[in-house]
């Protein structure tokens, strides 16, 4: 199963991508996390349904300087970009993208 998330809040420059990467690696989830030029963070998580539910709970945080205000979620693979349909054999922290 693939979940694509757009995270809004105070999530850039505060260690959120590293936090998300650690959660993903602990749960055995593949995919990526990256900053977006508009201030949000995008996450692609690939794993079974139970792992994704646990992942979602753990990334919705208010911890230190990190403050997640909302998370948009997409699971329908017909609506995911071609990039999100690529094979990922690990979890990556990617460079900032501009949309």
N, C-alpha and C. Protein backbone atom coordinates (compact mmCIF):
# COMPACT_ATOMS: atom_id res chain seq x y z
N UNK A 1 0.85 -1.17 0.00
CA UNK A 1 0.00 0.00 0.00
C UNK A 1 0.90 1.24 0.00
N UNK A 2 0.42 2.27 -0.69
CA UNK A 2 1.16 3.53 -0.77
C UNK A 2 0.31 4.65 -0.18
N UNK A 3 0.93 5.45 0.67
CA UNK A 3 0.28 6.64 1.19
C UNK A 3 1.13 7.84 0.82
N UNK A 4 0.47 8.89 0.33
CA UNK A 4 1.16 10.13 0.01
C UNK A 4 0.60 11.20 0.92
N UNK A 5 1.48 11.93 1.59
CA UNK A 5 1.08 12.89 2.61
C UNK A 5 1.68 14.26 2.31
N UNK A 6 0.88 15.29 2.51
CA UNK A 6 1.38 16.67 2.47
C UNK A 6 1.17 17.22 3.87
N UNK A 7 2.26 17.56 4.52
CA UNK A 7 2.23 17.98 5.93
C UNK A 7 2.39 19.49 5.99
N UNK A 8 1.49 20.13 6.73
CA UNK A 8 1.51 21.58 6.90
C UNK A 8 1.80 21.91 8.36
N UNK A 9 2.42 23.05 8.57
CA UNK A 9 2.72 23.51 9.92
C UNK A 9 4.14 24.05 9.96
N UNK A 10 4.73 23.99 11.14
CA UNK A 10 6.12 24.41 11.32
C UNK A 10 6.95 23.15 11.21
N UNK A 11 7.28 22.78 9.94
CA UNK A 11 7.90 21.48 9.68
C UNK A 11 9.18 21.55 8.85
N UNK A 12 9.66 22.76 8.57
CA UNK A 12 10.92 22.89 7.85
C UNK A 12 11.95 23.59 8.74
N UNK A 13 13.19 23.10 8.67
CA UNK A 13 14.27 23.69 9.44
C UNK A 13 14.23 23.34 10.92
N UNK A 14 13.47 22.30 11.26
CA UNK A 14 13.31 21.93 12.67
C UNK A 14 13.59 20.45 12.92
N UNK A 15 14.10 19.74 11.91
CA UNK A 15 14.43 18.33 12.07
C UNK A 15 13.30 17.37 11.77
N UNK A 16 12.23 17.87 11.15
CA UNK A 16 11.07 17.01 10.89
C UNK A 16 11.39 15.90 9.88
N UNK A 17 12.12 16.22 8.81
CA UNK A 17 12.44 15.17 7.82
C UNK A 17 13.26 14.05 8.46
N UNK A 18 14.22 14.39 9.28
CA UNK A 18 15.02 13.37 9.96
C UNK A 18 14.15 12.55 10.91
N UNK A 19 13.23 13.22 11.61
CA UNK A 19 12.32 12.51 12.50
C UNK A 19 11.47 11.51 11.71
N UNK A 20 10.88 11.97 10.60
CA UNK A 20 10.04 11.10 9.77
C UNK A 20 10.84 9.92 9.23
N UNK A 21 12.06 10.18 8.79
CA UNK A 21 12.92 9.12 8.29
C UNK A 21 13.19 8.07 9.36
N UNK A 22 13.43 8.50 10.58
CA UNK A 22 13.67 7.57 11.68
C UNK A 22 12.45 6.71 11.96
N UNK A 23 11.26 7.31 11.95
CA UNK A 23 10.02 6.55 12.16
C UNK A 23 9.85 5.52 11.05
N UNK A 24 10.05 5.96 9.80
CA UNK A 24 9.88 5.05 8.66
C UNK A 24 10.83 3.87 8.74
N UNK A 25 12.07 4.15 9.05
CA UNK A 25 13.07 3.07 9.13
C UNK A 25 12.74 2.11 10.26
N UNK A 26 12.28 2.64 11.39
CA UNK A 26 11.91 1.79 12.53
C UNK A 26 10.76 0.86 12.17
N UNK A 27 9.81 1.35 11.37
CA UNK A 27 8.63 0.57 11.00
C UNK A 27 8.83 -0.28 9.74
N UNK A 28 9.95 -0.11 9.06
CA UNK A 28 10.19 -0.86 7.83
C UNK A 28 9.42 -0.32 6.64
N UNK A 29 9.24 1.00 6.59
CA UNK A 29 8.52 1.65 5.50
C UNK A 29 9.52 2.23 4.51
N UNK A 30 9.25 2.06 3.22
CA UNK A 30 10.07 2.64 2.15
C UNK A 30 9.40 3.89 1.61
N UNK A 31 10.14 4.69 0.84
CA UNK A 31 9.59 5.89 0.22
C UNK A 31 10.51 7.06 0.37
N UNK A 32 9.92 8.26 0.60
CA UNK A 32 10.75 9.46 0.73
C UNK A 32 10.04 10.52 1.56
N UNK A 33 10.83 11.48 2.02
CA UNK A 33 10.34 12.70 2.65
C UNK A 33 11.14 13.85 2.05
N UNK A 34 10.45 14.98 1.77
CA UNK A 34 11.14 16.12 1.19
C UNK A 34 10.40 17.41 1.52
N UNK A 35 11.17 18.49 1.62
CA UNK A 35 10.58 19.82 1.77
C UNK A 35 10.04 20.28 0.43
N UNK A 36 9.02 21.13 0.48
CA UNK A 36 8.46 21.76 -0.71
C UNK A 36 8.65 23.27 -0.53
N UNK A 37 8.91 23.96 -1.63
CA UNK A 37 9.22 25.38 -1.56
C UNK A 37 8.11 26.22 -0.92
N UNK A 38 6.89 25.70 -0.84
CA UNK A 38 5.79 26.46 -0.23
C UNK A 38 5.74 26.33 1.30
N UNK A 39 6.70 25.60 1.89
CA UNK A 39 6.76 25.46 3.34
C UNK A 39 6.20 24.15 3.87
N UNK A 40 5.61 23.35 3.00
CA UNK A 40 5.07 22.06 3.44
C UNK A 40 6.14 20.97 3.27
N UNK A 41 5.80 19.77 3.71
CA UNK A 41 6.66 18.60 3.55
C UNK A 41 5.83 17.52 2.88
N UNK A 42 6.41 16.85 1.88
CA UNK A 42 5.75 15.73 1.22
C UNK A 42 6.39 14.43 1.66
N UNK A 43 5.54 13.42 1.83
CA UNK A 43 6.02 12.10 2.25
C UNK A 43 5.34 11.04 1.40
N UNK A 44 6.11 10.10 0.88
CA UNK A 44 5.59 8.89 0.27
C UNK A 44 5.97 7.75 1.19
N UNK A 45 4.97 7.00 1.64
CA UNK A 45 5.23 5.87 2.52
C UNK A 45 4.67 4.61 1.87
N UNK A 46 5.50 3.58 1.81
CA UNK A 46 5.11 2.31 1.20
C UNK A 46 5.27 1.21 2.24
N UNK A 47 4.17 0.53 2.54
CA UNK A 47 4.18 -0.55 3.52
C UNK A 47 2.79 -1.13 3.64
N UNK A 48 2.62 -2.09 4.53
CA UNK A 48 1.28 -2.64 4.68
C UNK A 48 0.39 -1.66 5.45
N UNK A 49 -0.91 -1.90 5.40
CA UNK A 49 -1.89 -0.96 5.95
C UNK A 49 -1.67 -0.67 7.43
N UNK A 50 -1.37 -1.68 8.22
CA UNK A 50 -1.15 -1.47 9.65
C UNK A 50 0.07 -0.61 9.92
N UNK A 51 1.13 -0.84 9.16
CA UNK A 51 2.34 -0.03 9.33
C UNK A 51 2.06 1.43 8.97
N UNK A 52 1.28 1.65 7.90
CA UNK A 52 0.98 3.03 7.50
C UNK A 52 0.13 3.73 8.55
N UNK A 53 -0.81 3.03 9.15
CA UNK A 53 -1.62 3.64 10.21
C UNK A 53 -0.75 4.05 11.39
N UNK A 54 0.17 3.17 11.79
CA UNK A 54 1.09 3.48 12.88
C UNK A 54 1.99 4.66 12.50
N UNK A 55 2.49 4.64 11.27
CA UNK A 55 3.33 5.72 10.76
C UNK A 55 2.60 7.06 10.85
N UNK A 56 1.36 7.10 10.39
CA UNK A 56 0.57 8.33 10.40
C UNK A 56 0.42 8.89 11.82
N UNK A 57 0.17 8.02 12.76
CA UNK A 57 0.04 8.48 14.16
C UNK A 57 1.35 9.10 14.66
N UNK A 58 2.45 8.48 14.29
CA UNK A 58 3.74 8.93 14.82
C UNK A 58 4.27 10.20 14.16
N UNK A 59 3.85 10.49 12.92
CA UNK A 59 4.36 11.70 12.25
C UNK A 59 3.49 12.92 12.52
N UNK A 60 2.34 12.74 13.14
CA UNK A 60 1.45 13.86 13.47
C UNK A 60 1.81 14.34 14.87
N UNK A 61 2.84 15.21 14.95
CA UNK A 61 3.42 15.53 16.25
C UNK A 61 3.49 17.03 16.51
N UNK A 62 3.61 17.32 17.77
CA UNK A 62 3.96 18.65 18.28
C UNK A 62 5.06 18.36 19.29
N UNK A 63 6.30 18.55 18.86
CA UNK A 63 7.45 18.13 19.67
C UNK A 63 8.57 19.13 19.48
N UNK A 64 9.01 19.75 20.56
CA UNK A 64 10.07 20.74 20.45
C UNK A 64 9.63 21.87 19.53
N UNK A 65 10.39 22.09 18.48
CA UNK A 65 10.07 23.15 17.51
C UNK A 65 9.20 22.64 16.37
N UNK A 66 8.94 21.34 16.30
CA UNK A 66 8.11 20.76 15.25
C UNK A 66 6.65 20.91 15.64
N UNK A 67 5.84 21.45 14.72
CA UNK A 67 4.41 21.58 14.98
C UNK A 67 3.63 21.23 13.71
N UNK A 68 3.09 20.02 13.67
CA UNK A 68 2.26 19.59 12.55
C UNK A 68 0.86 20.14 12.79
N UNK A 69 0.37 20.92 11.83
CA UNK A 69 -0.98 21.49 11.95
C UNK A 69 -2.01 20.66 11.20
N UNK A 70 -1.65 20.10 10.06
CA UNK A 70 -2.58 19.25 9.30
C UNK A 70 -1.79 18.36 8.36
N UNK A 71 -2.42 17.24 7.99
CA UNK A 71 -1.82 16.30 7.04
C UNK A 71 -2.88 15.92 6.02
N UNK A 72 -2.59 16.21 4.74
CA UNK A 72 -3.45 15.75 3.65
C UNK A 72 -2.98 14.35 3.27
N UNK A 73 -3.93 13.42 3.08
CA UNK A 73 -3.58 12.02 2.82
C UNK A 73 -4.22 11.54 1.51
N UNK A 74 -3.44 10.81 0.72
CA UNK A 74 -3.94 10.19 -0.51
C UNK A 74 -3.46 8.75 -0.55
N UNK A 75 -4.39 7.83 -0.79
CA UNK A 75 -4.03 6.41 -0.90
C UNK A 75 -4.37 5.85 -2.28
N UNK A 76 -5.21 6.53 -3.02
CA UNK A 76 -5.68 6.05 -4.31
C UNK A 76 -4.56 6.14 -5.33
N UNK A 77 -4.02 4.99 -5.73
CA UNK A 77 -2.86 4.98 -6.62
C UNK A 77 -3.15 5.63 -7.97
N UNK A 78 -4.41 5.72 -8.38
CA UNK A 78 -4.76 6.39 -9.64
C UNK A 78 -4.46 7.88 -9.56
N UNK A 79 -4.47 8.43 -8.34
CA UNK A 79 -4.25 9.87 -8.17
C UNK A 79 -2.82 10.22 -7.76
N UNK A 80 -1.95 9.23 -7.67
CA UNK A 80 -0.55 9.51 -7.32
C UNK A 80 0.26 9.80 -8.58
N UNK A 81 1.25 10.64 -8.44
CA UNK A 81 2.11 10.97 -9.58
C UNK A 81 2.92 9.74 -10.00
N UNK A 82 3.44 9.79 -11.23
CA UNK A 82 4.29 8.69 -11.71
C UNK A 82 5.49 8.50 -10.80
N UNK A 83 6.02 9.61 -10.29
CA UNK A 83 7.16 9.54 -9.38
C UNK A 83 6.83 8.70 -8.15
N UNK A 84 5.62 8.85 -7.64
CA UNK A 84 5.21 8.11 -6.44
C UNK A 84 4.96 6.63 -6.72
N UNK A 85 4.90 6.26 -7.98
CA UNK A 85 4.67 4.86 -8.33
C UNK A 85 5.97 4.12 -8.58
N UNK A 86 7.11 4.81 -8.51
CA UNK A 86 8.41 4.17 -8.68
C UNK A 86 8.65 3.18 -7.55
N UNK A 87 9.60 2.29 -7.78
CA UNK A 87 10.00 1.33 -6.75
C UNK A 87 11.01 1.99 -5.81
N UNK A 88 10.77 1.88 -4.53
CA UNK A 88 11.70 2.37 -3.51
C UNK A 88 12.05 1.19 -2.61
N UNK A 89 13.35 0.91 -2.45
CA UNK A 89 13.77 -0.21 -1.62
C UNK A 89 14.28 0.24 -0.25
N UNK A 90 14.10 1.53 0.05
CA UNK A 90 14.49 2.09 1.34
C UNK A 90 13.75 3.41 1.52
N UNK A 91 14.03 4.11 2.61
CA UNK A 91 13.40 5.41 2.85
C UNK A 91 14.46 6.49 2.69
N UNK A 92 14.17 7.51 1.87
CA UNK A 92 15.13 8.54 1.51
C UNK A 92 14.71 9.92 2.00
N UNK A 93 15.68 10.73 2.37
CA UNK A 93 15.44 12.15 2.59
C UNK A 93 15.90 12.85 1.31
N UNK A 94 14.93 13.44 0.59
CA UNK A 94 15.23 14.05 -0.70
C UNK A 94 15.39 15.56 -0.58
N UNK A 95 15.91 16.15 -1.64
CA UNK A 95 16.10 17.60 -1.71
C UNK A 95 14.75 18.31 -1.85
N UNK A 96 14.75 19.59 -1.54
CA UNK A 96 13.56 20.42 -1.67
C UNK A 96 13.10 20.47 -3.13
N UNK A 97 11.77 20.43 -3.32
CA UNK A 97 11.20 20.54 -4.66
C UNK A 97 10.34 21.80 -4.76
N UNK A 98 10.18 22.27 -5.98
CA UNK A 98 9.32 23.41 -6.25
C UNK A 98 8.13 22.93 -7.04
N UNK A 99 6.95 23.27 -6.60
CA UNK A 99 5.73 22.91 -7.33
C UNK A 99 5.06 24.15 -7.84
